[in-house]
Amino acid sequence: MAIQGSRLLPPVSFFIQPGRWAALLAAMLLSGPVLAAPVLNMAFNSPPTHYVPGQTLQEVTVTLTNSGDEAAVGASVVFSADSDVTLANRSCVASLDSSCGSGGGSTNGQVAPGGSLTIKVDVAFASDAIGSKTLSATGSTSVAGVANVIASHTFARTPLTHLVATV
């Protein structure tokens, strides 16, 4: 017996009468599978580690994937960057059964279970840029209860000793 406050409670046990197993199993099978929500992951795909002021890095790539069992509808990838960084020429490639949506994957896409959106963007650094610069991407879905994912990459400025001047 268990004690709760000042009362004794009878022990709890579960007993299924013989012959009821089939009914219980049928009820469990007929209720259908429990679907998991989308599970988003995102990462940059081997971007360069350094930049040179005035340089444009072509096709920096980030991939948004869904490892869940339900489609991530209303999927989007939004970029943000430090000052002195301009983003251009955004494009998106969707895996089978996924779609990029509008704006090169920026709004209203869909990532199927096991699918992905691969977003490419050109990253231009101002000619007077100094210090390290960070590019971040936030992936989201309109499915309630699914957390946003963020991937960031920092580009270090190429040291001046590695720059070659031609006359």
Foldseek 3Di string as FASTA:
>chain_A
DDDDDNDDDDDDDDDDDPPCPVVVVVVVVVVDDDFDDWAKDKEWDDDDQADEAQDKDWWGKMKIATQGQAKQWFKAKDKDKDPQKDKDDKAKDKDPPWAQPPDRNHTGTMAHNGIMIMMTIMIHGHNPDAAKMKMKMWIHGPPPPHDIYMYMGIHGYDDPVPDDDDD
